[in-house]
Amino acid sequence: MKVDRVLLAEPRGFCAGVEMAIKALAWMVRLFEPPVYCYHEIVHNQTVVDRFRRLGVIFVDDIADVPPGAPLMLSAHGSAPEVVEAARAAGGVVVNAVCPLVTKVHHEVKTRAGKGYTIVYVGHQGHEEATGTMAVAPQAVRLVETEADVASLGPITGPVALLAQTTLSHDEWSGITDRVRERFPDVWTPGRSDLCFATTNRQAALKAVAAGADAVVVIGSANSSNTVALTKVARAAGCPRVLRIDSPDELPDDLSGTVAVTAGASAPEGLIEAVIARLDPVHPPEVVSAVEEDEYFPPPRELRDLIRASGAGLEDDRAVSASAVLADLGPG
């Protein structure tokens, strides 16, 4: 295959929360003999998950499947309070790699529910982040996925708050927000949007390249909400052909002209580089930058304590990328 041009959206790929979670699990692999357990997939990317599986990580969907005393990491998507409690009661080392932005939403749910609010939560049924967030105050939360769901909500007495899954697209969020405000004019919303800055930034960068491309390639897994949101953004921008792929092997052979490339927040840079190599553009890839992104989340506190106690030494974590950490672990 040889396309004419590649427009490379910037930012793309790993966000700060994913960087933190992957580096944290990599530390667990270095500090403990296998197996290390992880509650749910550490991030929603098949390449990353498969790599950790080969390094001895066992991903489980039920805390009861973790042997007592085994080292355990809780995924970046956030866990229900009873899951966190059960994990810590099992007696092993537990590191919670939840993204700080998800923690913020958990706190908002707990606070608003404690004040008697009914919470209209915009999210995807069954998504791990949504499941964990709603479990913070299940009696107070009403899940909506579409504008029609807002109209179908039963009677609500008392104050109403509007919160959201962090990985939604802005377009998904804004339409539902309008409907909620129409129905509940006094609805409470947080001072800072629940939508993940990285998700929003990747969507803005994609909009800058999608309309002028013959095709858009979105790299990321099907269970990644922010990756799926990127495909919707590309279609809404008017691109005639939008492809979501997990690996370069999934690229069709008939791509030509100008191809825009982006990646969901869980996709490693090495995968992006492999896709560009497969496209083999005639001209060097053109980076189109929409916003500069420099957010950083440090390792979870309990992991920092664990590293220091082990004597391993904690390098300048900010200066080391998750992709480099994975590579340092050797073949996986």
C-alpha atoms as a PDB file:
ATOM      1  CA  MET A   1       0.000   0.000   0.000  1.00  0.00           C
ATOM      2  CA  LYS A   2       1.172   3.544  -0.698  1.00  0.00           C
ATOM      3  CA  VAL A   3      -1.088   6.499   0.022  1.00  0.00           C
ATOM      4  CA  ASP A   4      -0.282  10.041  -1.044  1.00  0.00           C
ATOM      5  CA  ARG A   5      -0.405  11.858   2.313  1.00  0.00           C
ATOM      6  CA  VAL A   6      -0.930  11.092   5.974  1.00  0.00           C
ATOM      7  CA  LEU A   7      -2.367  13.793   8.248  1.00  0.00           C
ATOM      8  CA  LEU A   8      -1.459  12.889  11.799  1.00  0.00           C
ATOM      9  CA  ALA A   9      -3.749  14.398  14.434  1.00  0.00           C
ATOM     10  CA  GLU A  10      -2.065  15.848  17.513  1.00  0.00           C
ATOM     11  CA  PRO A  11      -2.783  15.054  20.323  1.00  0.00           C
ATOM     12  CA  ARG A  12      -3.533  11.367  19.850  1.00  0.00           C
ATOM     13  CA  GLY A  13      -2.949   8.126  21.722  1.00  0.00           C
ATOM     14  CA  PHE A  14      -2.083   7.735  25.391  1.00  0.00           C
ATOM     15  CA  CYS A  15      -3.643  10.262  27.767  1.00  0.00           C
ATOM     16  CA  ALA A  16      -2.292  11.121  31.229  1.00  0.00           C
ATOM     17  CA  GLY A  17      -4.604   8.651  32.982  1.00  0.00           C
ATOM     18  CA  VAL A  18      -3.606   5.795  30.686  1.00  0.00           C
ATOM     19  CA  GLU A  19       0.081   6.695  31.029  1.00  0.00           C
ATOM     20  CA  MET A  20      -0.275   6.529  34.801  1.00  0.00           C
ATOM     21  CA  ALA A  21      -2.171   3.222  34.795  1.00  0.00           C
ATOM     22  CA  ILE A  22       0.142   1.414  32.372  1.00  0.00           C
ATOM     23  CA  LYS A  23       3.288   2.543  34.182  1.00  0.00           C
ATOM     24  CA  ALA A  24       1.718   1.492  37.486  1.00  0.00           C
ATOM     25  CA  LEU A  25       0.939  -2.021  36.239  1.00  0.00           C
ATOM     26  CA  ALA A  26       4.413  -2.255  34.747  1.00  0.00           C
ATOM     27  CA  TRP A  27       5.819  -1.536  38.214  1.00  0.00           C
ATOM     28  CA  MET A  28       3.645  -4.311  39.657  1.00  0.00           C
ATOM     29  CA  VAL A  29       5.051  -6.733  37.082  1.00  0.00           C
ATOM     30  CA  ARG A  30       8.595  -5.694  38.026  1.00  0.00           C
ATOM     31  CA  LEU A  31       8.024  -5.892  41.796  1.00  0.00           C
ATOM     32  CA  PHE A  32       6.105  -9.182  42.071  1.00  0.00           C
ATOM     33  CA  GLU A  33       6.524 -12.685  40.763  1.00  0.00           C
ATOM     34  CA  PRO A  34       3.686 -13.619  38.405  1.00  0.00           C
ATOM     35  CA  PRO A  35       0.824 -13.764  38.490  1.00  0.00           C
ATOM     36  CA  VAL A  36      -0.218 -10.192  39.186  1.00  0.00           C
ATOM     37  CA  TYR A  37      -3.972  -9.687  39.078  1.00  0.00           C
ATOM     38  CA  CYS A  38      -5.875  -6.760  37.591  1.00  0.00           C
ATOM     39  CA  TYR A  39      -9.558  -6.076  38.120  1.00  0.00           C
ATOM     40  CA  HIS A  40     -10.941  -5.487  34.618  1.00  0.00           C
ATOM     41  CA  GLU A  41      -8.684  -4.575  31.716  1.00  0.00           C
ATOM     42  CA  ILE A  42      -6.154  -1.996  32.862  1.00  0.00           C
ATOM     43  CA  VAL A  43      -7.137   0.138  29.834  1.00  0.00           C
ATOM     44  CA  HIS A  44      -9.377  -0.598  26.876  1.00  0.00           C
ATOM     45  CA  ASN A  45      -6.759  -1.538  24.293  1.00  0.00           C
ATOM     46  CA  GLN A  46      -6.285  -5.113  23.144  1.00  0.00           C
ATOM     47  CA  THR A  47      -2.613  -4.683  22.242  1.00  0.00           C
ATOM     48  CA  VAL A  48      -1.745  -3.374  25.708  1.00  0.00           C
ATOM     49  CA  VAL A  49      -3.859  -5.988  27.506  1.00  0.00           C
ATOM     50  CA  ASP A  50      -2.366  -8.852  25.482  1.00  0.00           C
ATOM     51  CA  ARG A  51       1.134  -7.579  26.231  1.00  0.00           C
ATOM     52  CA  PHE A  52       0.501  -7.656  29.979  1.00  0.00           C
ATOM     53  CA  ARG A  53      -1.100 -11.094  29.745  1.00  0.00           C
ATOM     54  CA  ARG A  54       2.127 -12.406  28.215  1.00  0.00           C
ATOM     55  CA  LEU A  55       3.994 -10.837  31.130  1.00  0.00           C
ATOM     56  CA  GLY A  56       1.945 -12.808  33.655  1.00  0.00           C
ATOM     57  CA  VAL A  57      -0.945 -10.463  34.443  1.00  0.00           C
ATOM     58  CA  ILE A  58      -4.335 -12.111  34.948  1.00  0.00           C
ATOM     59  CA  PHE A  59      -7.339  -9.897  34.262  1.00  0.00           C
ATOM     60  CA  VAL A  60     -10.497 -10.756  36.196  1.00  0.00           C
ATOM     61  CA  ASP A  61     -14.034  -9.396  36.238  1.00  0.00           C
ATOM     62  CA  ASP A  62     -14.797 -10.634  39.745  1.00  0.00           C
ATOM     63  CA  ILE A  63     -12.712  -9.888  42.842  1.00  0.00           C
ATOM     64  CA  ALA A  64     -13.643 -13.355  44.116  1.00  0.00           C
ATOM     65  CA  ASP A  65     -11.380 -14.771  41.375  1.00  0.00           C
ATOM     66  CA  VAL A  66      -8.298 -13.197  42.991  1.00  0.00           C
ATOM     67  CA  PRO A  67      -6.542 -15.584  45.417  1.00  0.00           C
ATOM     68  CA  PRO A  68      -6.227 -14.196  48.964  1.00  0.00           C
ATOM     69  CA  GLY A  69      -2.980 -12.279  49.395  1.00  0.00           C
ATOM     70  CA  ALA A  70      -2.268 -11.943  45.663  1.00  0.00           C
ATOM     71  CA  PRO A  71      -1.052  -8.556  44.357  1.00  0.00           C
ATOM     72  CA  LEU A  72      -3.926  -6.726  42.688  1.00  0.00           C
ATOM     73  CA  MET A  73      -4.368  -3.600  40.607  1.00  0.00           C
ATOM     74  CA  LEU A  74      -7.713  -1.869  40.067  1.00  0.00           C
ATOM     75  CA  SER A  75      -8.154  -0.522  36.551  1.00  0.00           C
ATOM     76  CA  ALA A  76      -8.086   3.060  35.314  1.00  0.00           C
ATOM     77  CA  HIS A  77     -11.851   3.094  34.760  1.00  0.00           C
ATOM     78  CA  GLY A  78     -12.703   3.157  38.451  1.00  0.00           C
ATOM     79  CA  SER A  79     -14.277   0.521  40.670  1.00  0.00           C
ATOM     80  CA  ALA A  80     -17.409   0.365  42.783  1.00  0.00           C
ATOM     81  CA  PRO A  81     -16.832   1.100  46.492  1.00  0.00           C
ATOM     82  CA  GLU A  82     -17.752  -2.448  47.489  1.00  0.00           C
ATOM     83  CA  VAL A  83     -15.185  -3.791  44.992  1.00  0.00           C
ATOM     84  CA  VAL A  84     -12.434  -1.636  46.488  1.00  0.00           C
ATOM     85  CA  GLU A  85     -13.438  -2.759  49.992  1.00  0.00           C
ATOM     86  CA  ALA A  86     -13.478  -6.440  49.027  1.00  0.00           C
ATOM     87  CA  ALA A  87     -10.100  -6.134  47.316  1.00  0.00           C
ATOM     88  CA  ARG A  88      -8.464  -4.608  50.386  1.00  0.00           C
ATOM     89  CA  ALA A  89     -10.090  -7.157  52.681  1.00  0.00           C
ATOM     90  CA  ALA A  90      -8.395  -9.998  50.788  1.00  0.00           C
ATOM     91  CA  GLY A  91      -5.093  -9.192  52.456  1.00  0.00           C
ATOM     92  CA  GLY A  92      -2.814  -8.640  49.463  1.00  0.00           C
ATOM     93  CA  VAL A  93      -1.183  -5.523  48.047  1.00  0.00           C
ATOM     94  CA  VAL A  94      -3.829  -3.428  46.293  1.00  0.00           C
ATOM     95  CA  VAL A  95      -2.996  -0.506  43.999  1.00  0.00           C
ATOM     96  CA  ASN A  96      -5.876   1.565  42.692  1.00  0.00           C
ATOM     97  CA  ALA A  97      -4.951   2.969  39.271  1.00  0.00           C
ATOM     98  CA  VAL A  98      -8.237   4.836  38.800  1.00  0.00           C
ATOM     99  CA  CYS A  99      -7.920   7.952  36.650  1.00  0.00           C
ATOM    100  CA  PRO A 100      -8.152  11.100  38.816  1.00  0.00           C
ATOM    101  CA  LEU A 101     -10.834  12.465  36.491  1.00  0.00           C
ATOM    102  CA  VAL A 102     -13.025   9.443  37.241  1.00  0.00           C
ATOM    103  CA  THR A 103     -12.343   9.922  40.958  1.00  0.00           C
ATOM    104  CA  LYS A 104     -13.633  13.480  40.574  1.00  0.00           C
ATOM    105  CA  VAL A 105     -16.942  12.195  39.187  1.00  0.00           C
ATOM    106  CA  HIS A 106     -17.220   9.586  41.976  1.00  0.00           C
ATOM    107  CA  HIS A 107     -16.799  12.395  44.495  1.00  0.00           C
ATOM    108  CA  GLU A 108     -19.458  14.487  42.767  1.00  0.00           C
ATOM    109  CA  VAL A 109     -21.911  11.570  42.822  1.00  0.00           C
ATOM    110  CA  LYS A 110     -21.290  10.929  46.524  1.00  0.00           C
ATOM    111  CA  THR A 111     -21.594  14.611  47.446  1.00  0.00           C
ATOM    112  CA  ARG A 112     -24.751  15.334  45.436  1.00  0.00           C
ATOM    113  CA  ALA A 113     -26.452  12.134  46.565  1.00  0.00           C
ATOM    114  CA  GLY A 114     -25.640  13.034  50.164  1.00  0.00           C
ATOM    115  CA  LYS A 115     -27.410  16.349  49.668  1.00  0.00           C
ATOM    116  CA  GLY A 116     -30.572  14.704  48.384  1.00  0.00           C
ATOM    117  CA  TYR A 117     -30.063  15.181  44.642  1.00  0.00           C
ATOM    118  CA  THR A 118     -31.274  12.833  41.958  1.00  0.00           C
ATOM    119  CA  ILE A 119     -28.348  12.410  39.568  1.00  0.00           C
ATOM    120  CA  VAL A 120     -28.957  12.164  35.830  1.00  0.00           C
ATOM    121  CA  TYR A 121     -25.823  10.358  34.675  1.00  0.00           C
ATOM    122  CA  VAL A 122     -24.944  10.336  30.992  1.00  0.00           C
ATOM    123  CA  GLY A 123     -23.051   7.171  30.149  1.00  0.00           C
ATOM    124  CA  HIS A 124     -23.034   3.835  28.363  1.00  0.00           C
ATOM    125  CA  GLN A 125     -24.834   0.937  30.026  1.00  0.00           C
ATOM    126  CA  GLY A 126     -22.338  -1.786  30.923  1.00  0.00           C
ATOM    127  CA  HIS A 127     -19.214   0.324  30.484  1.00  0.00           C
ATOM    128  CA  GLU A 128     -16.863  -0.287  33.414  1.00  0.00           C
ATOM    129  CA  GLU A 129     -16.549   3.405  34.241  1.00  0.00           C
ATOM    130  CA  ALA A 130     -20.320   3.890  34.253  1.00  0.00           C
ATOM    131  CA  THR A 131     -20.879   0.765  36.344  1.00  0.00           C
ATOM    132  CA  GLY A 132     -18.338   1.843  38.959  1.00  0.00           C
ATOM    133  CA  THR A 133     -19.613   5.421  39.097  1.00  0.00           C
ATOM    134  CA  MET A 134     -23.286   4.518  39.480  1.00  0.00           C
ATOM    135  CA  ALA A 135     -22.400   2.081  42.276  1.00  0.00           C
ATOM    136  CA  VAL A 136     -21.233   5.016  44.420  1.00  0.00           C
ATOM    137  CA  ALA A 137     -24.887   5.933  45.067  1.00  0.00           C
ATOM    138  CA  PRO A 138     -27.117   3.536  43.105  1.00  0.00           C
ATOM    139  CA  GLN A 139     -30.339   4.698  44.734  1.00  0.00           C
ATOM    140  CA  ALA A 140     -29.760   8.266  43.498  1.00  0.00           C
ATOM    141  CA  VAL A 141     -28.525   7.728  39.929  1.00  0.00           C
ATOM    142  CA  ARG A 142     -30.599   7.579  36.723  1.00  0.00           C
ATOM    143  CA  LEU A 143     -28.617   6.492  33.648  1.00  0.00           C
ATOM    144  CA  VAL A 144     -29.376   8.076  30.271  1.00  0.00           C
ATOM    145  CA  GLU A 145     -27.676   7.288  26.973  1.00  0.00           C
ATOM    146  CA  THR A 146     -29.754   9.302  24.508  1.00  0.00           C
ATOM    147  CA  GLU A 147     -31.919  12.379  24.321  1.00  0.00           C
ATOM    148  CA  ALA A 148     -34.944  10.080  24.181  1.00  0.00           C
ATOM    149  CA  ASP A 149     -33.904   8.586  27.530  1.00  0.00           C
ATOM    150  CA  VAL A 150     -34.193  12.031  29.113  1.00  0.00           C
ATOM    151  CA  ALA A 151     -37.782  12.307  27.938  1.00  0.00           C
ATOM    152  CA  SER A 152     -38.475   8.831  29.332  1.00  0.00           C
ATOM    153  CA  LEU A 153     -37.284   9.605  32.840  1.00  0.00           C
ATOM    154  CA  GLY A 154     -40.043   9.194  35.376  1.00  0.00           C
ATOM    155  CA  PRO A 155     -41.121  11.955  37.766  1.00  0.00           C
ATOM    156  CA  ILE A 156     -38.289  13.422  39.839  1.00  0.00           C
ATOM    157  CA  THR A 157     -38.950  15.455  42.948  1.00  0.00           C
ATOM    158  CA  GLY A 158     -36.243  17.499  44.599  1.00  0.00           C
ATOM    159  CA  PRO A 159     -32.990  18.841  43.154  1.00  0.00           C
ATOM    160  CA  VAL A 160     -31.360  17.327  40.056  1.00  0.00           C
ATOM    161  CA  ALA A 161     -27.657  17.080  39.166  1.00  0.00           C
ATOM    162  CA  LEU A 162     -26.179  16.261  35.769  1.00  0.00           C
ATOM    163  CA  LEU A 163     -22.953  14.223  35.594  1.00  0.00           C
ATOM    164  CA  ALA A 164     -21.267  12.179  32.876  1.00  0.00           C
ATOM    165  CA  GLN A 165     -18.951   9.360  31.904  1.00  0.00           C
ATOM    166  CA  THR A 166     -15.628  11.039  31.190  1.00  0.00           C
ATOM    167  CA  THR A 167     -15.012   9.413  27.788  1.00  0.00           C
ATOM    168  CA  LEU A 168     -18.115  10.648  25.956  1.00  0.00           C
ATOM    169  CA  SER A 169     -17.803  12.778  22.833  1.00  0.00           C
ATOM    170  CA  HIS A 170     -18.756  16.417  23.245  1.00  0.00           C
ATOM    171  CA  ASP A 171     -21.490  15.963  20.623  1.00  0.00           C
ATOM    172  CA  GLU A 172     -23.043  13.097  22.609  1.00  0.00           C
ATOM    173  CA  TRP A 173     -22.941  15.165  25.781  1.00  0.00           C
ATOM    174  CA  SER A 174     -24.189  18.500  24.449  1.00  0.00           C
ATOM    175  CA  GLY A 175     -27.463  17.251  22.960  1.00  0.00           C
ATOM    176  CA  ILE A 176     -28.410  15.385  26.115  1.00  0.00           C
ATOM    177  CA  THR A 177     -27.418  18.376  28.233  1.00  0.00           C
ATOM    178  CA  ASP A 178     -29.814  20.574  26.288  1.00  0.00           C
ATOM    179  CA  ARG A 179     -32.681  18.134  26.877  1.00  0.00           C
ATOM    180  CA  VAL A 180     -31.902  17.864  30.597  1.00  0.00           C
ATOM    181  CA  ARG A 181     -31.815  21.649  30.995  1.00  0.00           C
ATOM    182  CA  GLU A 182     -35.143  21.945  29.185  1.00  0.00           C
ATOM    183  CA  ARG A 183     -36.755  19.456  31.535  1.00  0.00           C
ATOM    184  CA  PHE A 184     -34.952  20.547  34.716  1.00  0.00           C
ATOM    185  CA  PRO A 185     -34.095  24.273  34.378  1.00  0.00           C
ATOM    186  CA  ASP A 186     -32.448  24.406  37.816  1.00  0.00           C
ATOM    187  CA  VAL A 187     -30.204  21.375  37.228  1.00  0.00           C
ATOM    188  CA  TRP A 188     -26.844  21.462  39.016  1.00  0.00           C
ATOM    189  CA  THR A 189     -23.706  20.874  36.942  1.00  0.00           C
ATOM    190  CA  PRO A 190     -20.075  20.879  38.104  1.00  0.00           C
ATOM    191  CA  GLY A 191     -17.970  23.988  37.632  1.00  0.00           C
ATOM    192  CA  ARG A 192     -15.553  21.980  35.510  1.00  0.00           C
ATOM    193  CA  SER A 193     -16.924  19.611  32.883  1.00  0.00           C
ATOM    194  CA  ASP A 194     -16.818  15.897  33.633  1.00  0.00           C
ATOM    195  CA  LEU A 195     -15.678  15.188  30.073  1.00  0.00           C
ATOM    196  CA  CYS A 196     -12.042  14.138  29.982  1.00  0.00           C
ATOM    197  CA  PHE A 197      -9.793  16.912  28.641  1.00  0.00           C
ATOM    198  CA  ALA A 198      -7.823  14.313  26.656  1.00  0.00           C
ATOM    199  CA  THR A 199     -10.961  12.945  25.015  1.00  0.00           C
ATOM    200  CA  THR A 200     -12.055  16.465  24.085  1.00  0.00           C
ATOM    201  CA  ASN A 201      -8.579  17.371  22.802  1.00  0.00           C
ATOM    202  CA  ARG A 202      -8.375  14.283  20.586  1.00  0.00           C
ATOM    203  CA  GLN A 203     -11.764  15.049  19.120  1.00  0.00           C
ATOM    204  CA  ALA A 204     -10.742  18.650  18.382  1.00  0.00           C
ATOM    205  CA  ALA A 205      -7.549  17.466  16.693  1.00  0.00           C
ATOM    206  CA  LEU A 206      -9.463  14.967  14.584  1.00  0.00           C
ATOM    207  CA  LYS A 207     -11.955  17.615  13.445  1.00  0.00           C
ATOM    208  CA  ALA A 208      -9.001  19.642  12.180  1.00  0.00           C
ATOM    209  CA  VAL A 209      -7.976  16.869   9.755  1.00  0.00           C
ATOM    210  CA  ALA A 210     -11.074  14.771   9.033  1.00  0.00           C
ATOM    211  CA  ALA A 211     -12.968  16.989   6.596  1.00  0.00           C
ATOM    212  CA  GLY A 212     -10.004  17.264   4.210  1.00  0.00           C
ATOM    213  CA  ALA A 213      -9.191  13.552   4.166  1.00  0.00           C
ATOM    214  CA  ASP A 214     -10.299  10.797   1.818  1.00  0.00           C
ATOM    215  CA  ALA A 215     -10.315   8.424   4.781  1.00  0.00           C
ATOM    216  CA  VAL A 216      -9.829   8.533   8.534  1.00  0.00           C
ATOM    217  CA  VAL A 217      -8.112   5.711  10.414  1.00  0.00           C
ATOM    218  CA  VAL A 218      -8.910   5.582  14.133  1.00  0.00           C
ATOM    219  CA  ILE A 219      -6.601   3.260  16.057  1.00  0.00           C
ATOM    220  CA  GLY A 220      -8.121   1.667  19.132  1.00  0.00           C
ATOM    221  CA  SER A 221     -10.246  -1.184  20.403  1.00  0.00           C
ATOM    222  CA  ALA A 222     -13.993  -1.611  19.995  1.00  0.00           C
ATOM    223  CA  ASN A 223     -14.599  -1.546  23.760  1.00  0.00           C
ATOM    224  CA  SER A 224     -12.861   1.824  24.096  1.00  0.00           C
ATOM    225  CA  SER A 225     -15.590   4.434  24.481  1.00  0.00           C
ATOM    226  CA  ASN A 226     -13.361   7.357  23.523  1.00  0.00           C
ATOM    227  CA  THR A 227     -12.147   5.477  20.425  1.00  0.00           C
ATOM    228  CA  VAL A 228     -15.710   4.827  19.280  1.00  0.00           C
ATOM    229  CA  ALA A 229     -16.478   8.498  19.945  1.00  0.00           C
ATOM    230  CA  LEU A 230     -13.637   9.454  17.585  1.00  0.00           C
ATOM    231  CA  THR A 231     -15.199   7.447  14.769  1.00  0.00           C
ATOM    232  CA  LYS A 232     -18.460   9.318  15.309  1.00  0.00           C
ATOM    233  CA  VAL A 233     -16.632  12.656  15.251  1.00  0.00           C
ATOM    234  CA  ALA A 234     -14.953  11.752  11.949  1.00  0.00           C
ATOM    235  CA  ARG A 235     -18.260  10.821  10.333  1.00  0.00           C
ATOM    236  CA  ALA A 236     -19.926  13.966  11.640  1.00  0.00           C
ATOM    237  CA  ALA A 237     -17.072  16.008  10.144  1.00  0.00           C
ATOM    238  CA  GLY A 238     -17.994  14.687   6.712  1.00  0.00           C
ATOM    239  CA  CYS A 239     -15.206  12.211   6.022  1.00  0.00           C
ATOM    240  CA  PRO A 240     -16.468   9.723   3.415  1.00  0.00           C
ATOM    241  CA  ARG A 241     -14.643   6.713   4.878  1.00  0.00           C
ATOM    242  CA  VAL A 242     -13.923   6.025   8.551  1.00  0.00           C
ATOM    243  CA  LEU A 243     -12.092   2.920   9.750  1.00  0.00           C
ATOM    244  CA  ARG A 244     -11.487   1.759  13.310  1.00  0.00           C
ATOM    245  CA  ILE A 245      -8.642  -0.728  13.602  1.00  0.00           C
ATOM    246  CA  ASP A 246      -6.762  -2.525  16.379  1.00  0.00           C
ATOM    247  CA  SER A 247      -3.622  -3.149  14.337  1.00  0.00           C
ATOM    248  CA  PRO A 248      -2.056  -2.338  10.948  1.00  0.00           C
ATOM    249  CA  ASP A 249      -2.996  -5.813   9.720  1.00  0.00           C
ATOM    250  CA  GLU A 250      -6.628  -4.665   9.648  1.00  0.00           C
ATOM    251  CA  LEU A 251      -5.986  -1.871   7.136  1.00  0.00           C
ATOM    252  CA  PRO A 252      -7.664  -2.516   3.769  1.00  0.00           C
ATOM    253  CA  ASP A 253      -5.439  -2.536   0.688  1.00  0.00           C
ATOM    254  CA  ASP A 254      -7.471   0.013  -1.278  1.00  0.00           C
ATOM    255  CA  LEU A 255      -6.726   3.155   0.745  1.00  0.00           C
ATOM    256  CA  SER A 256      -5.394   6.034  -1.329  1.00  0.00           C
ATOM    257  CA  GLY A 257      -5.129   9.799  -1.455  1.00  0.00           C
ATOM    258  CA  THR A 258      -5.031  11.636   1.866  1.00  0.00           C
ATOM    259  CA  VAL A 259      -5.517   9.562   5.009  1.00  0.00           C
ATOM    260  CA  ALA A 260      -5.987  11.157   8.433  1.00  0.00           C
ATOM    261  CA  VAL A 261      -4.722   9.096  11.378  1.00  0.00           C
ATOM    262  CA  THR A 262      -5.600   9.387  15.039  1.00  0.00           C
ATOM    263  CA  ALA A 263      -5.746   7.052  18.020  1.00  0.00           C
ATOM    264  CA  GLY A 264      -7.890   6.588  21.091  1.00  0.00           C
ATOM    265  CA  ALA A 265      -6.490   7.471  24.500  1.00  0.00           C
ATOM    266  CA  SER A 266      -5.499   3.841  25.205  1.00  0.00           C
ATOM    267  CA  ALA A 267      -3.521   3.217  21.998  1.00  0.00           C
ATOM    268  CA  PRO A 268       0.302   3.101  22.241  1.00  0.00           C
ATOM    269  CA  GLU A 269       2.492   5.240  20.000  1.00  0.00           C
ATOM    270  CA  GLY A 270       4.277   2.181  18.632  1.00  0.00           C
ATOM    271  CA  LEU A 271       0.993   0.982  17.177  1.00  0.00           C
ATOM    272  CA  ILE A 272       0.461   4.364  15.511  1.00  0.00           C
ATOM    273  CA  GLU A 273       3.936   4.204  14.001  1.00  0.00           C
ATOM    274  CA  ALA A 274       3.232   0.710  12.641  1.00  0.00           C
ATOM    275  CA  VAL A 275       0.015   1.929  11.004  1.00  0.00           C
ATOM    276  CA  ILE A 276       1.827   4.813   9.317  1.00  0.00           C
ATOM    277  CA  ALA A 277       4.520   2.411   8.072  1.00  0.00           C
ATOM    278  CA  ARG A 278       1.803   0.205   6.585  1.00  0.00           C
ATOM    279  CA  LEU A 279       0.201   3.202   4.846  1.00  0.00           C
ATOM    280  CA  ASP A 280       3.653   4.063   3.454  1.00  0.00           C
ATOM    281  CA  PRO A 281       2.835   7.649   2.411  1.00  0.00           C
ATOM    282  CA  VAL A 282       4.627   9.220  -0.582  1.00  0.00           C
ATOM    283  CA  HIS A 283       5.233  12.359   1.482  1.00  0.00           C
ATOM    284  CA  PRO A 284       6.366  12.519   5.116  1.00  0.00           C
ATOM    285  CA  PRO A 285       3.446  12.459   7.581  1.00  0.00           C
ATOM    286  CA  GLU A 286       2.113  15.936   8.341  1.00  0.00           C
ATOM    287  CA  VAL A 287       1.379  16.561  12.018  1.00  0.00           C
ATOM    288  CA  VAL A 288      -1.665  18.781  12.535  1.00  0.00           C
ATOM    289  CA  SER A 289      -1.761  20.104  16.096  1.00  0.00           C
ATOM    290  CA  ALA A 290      -4.967  21.391  17.666  1.00  0.00           C
ATOM    291  CA  VAL A 291      -3.823  21.934  21.257  1.00  0.00           C
ATOM    292  CA  GLU A 292      -0.728  21.355  23.373  1.00  0.00           C
ATOM    293  CA  GLU A 293      -1.254  18.731  26.056  1.00  0.00           C
ATOM    294  CA  ASP A 294       1.038  18.446  29.080  1.00  0.00           C
ATOM    295  CA  GLU A 295      -1.157  17.000  31.841  1.00  0.00           C
ATOM    296  CA  TYR A 296       0.580  14.531  34.137  1.00  0.00           C
ATOM    297  CA  PHE A 297      -0.767  12.177  36.820  1.00  0.00           C
ATOM    298  CA  PRO A 298       1.778  10.714  39.286  1.00  0.00           C
ATOM    299  CA  PRO A 299       1.734   7.043  40.303  1.00  0.00           C
ATOM    300  CA  PRO A 300      -0.895   6.046  42.892  1.00  0.00           C
ATOM    301  CA  ARG A 301       0.230   6.865  46.435  1.00  0.00           C
ATOM    302  CA  GLU A 302       0.185   3.240  47.602  1.00  0.00           C
ATOM    303  CA  LEU A 303       2.430   2.283  44.670  1.00  0.00           C
ATOM    304  CA  ARG A 304       4.918   5.054  45.455  1.00  0.00           C
ATOM    305  CA  ASP A 305       5.108   3.753  49.015  1.00  0.00           C
ATOM    306  CA  LEU A 306       5.574   0.198  47.752  1.00  0.00           C
ATOM    307  CA  ILE A 307       8.398   1.175  45.379  1.00  0.00           C
ATOM    308  CA  ARG A 308      10.261   3.064  48.091  1.00  0.00           C
ATOM    309  CA  ALA A 309       9.851   0.175  50.542  1.00  0.00           C
ATOM    310  CA  SER A 310      11.262  -2.242  47.976  1.00  0.00           C
ATOM    311  CA  GLY A 311      14.406  -0.156  47.555  1.00  0.00           C
ATOM    312  CA  ALA A 312      13.901  -0.124  43.782  1.00  0.00           C
ATOM    313  CA  GLY A 313      14.000   3.663  43.601  1.00  0.00           C
ATOM    314  CA  LEU A 314      11.419   5.800  41.836  1.00  0.00           C
ATOM    315  CA  GLU A 315      12.870   7.419  38.724  1.00  0.00           C
ATOM    316  CA  ASP A 316      11.571  10.709  37.333  1.00  0.00           C
ATOM    317  CA  ASP A 317       8.221   9.244  36.379  1.00  0.00           C
ATOM    318  CA  ARG A 318       7.110  12.311  34.422  1.00  0.00           C
ATOM    319  CA  ALA A 319      10.100  12.006  32.094  1.00  0.00           C
ATOM    320  CA  VAL A 320       9.454   8.359  31.199  1.00  0.00           C
ATOM    321  CA  SER A 321       6.685   7.450  28.769  1.00  0.00           C
ATOM    322  CA  ALA A 322       4.449   4.421  29.226  1.00  0.00           C
ATOM    323  CA  SER A 323       5.568   3.143  25.821  1.00  0.00           C
ATOM    324  CA  ALA A 324       9.205   3.256  26.956  1.00  0.00           C
ATOM    325  CA  VAL A 325       8.338   1.474  30.203  1.00  0.00           C
ATOM    326  CA  LEU A 326       6.619  -1.330  28.300  1.00  0.00           C
ATOM    327  CA  ALA A 327       9.619  -1.684  26.006  1.00  0.00           C
ATOM    328  CA  ASP A 328      11.962  -1.894  29.008  1.00  0.00           C
ATOM    329  CA  LEU A 329      10.043  -4.899  30.306  1.00  0.00           C
ATOM    330  CA  GLY A 330      11.432  -6.872  27.399  1.00  0.00           C
ATOM    331  CA  PRO A 331       9.578  -9.088  24.897  1.00  0.00           C
ATOM    332  CA  GLY A 332       6.036  -9.744  25.987  1.00  0.00           C
END
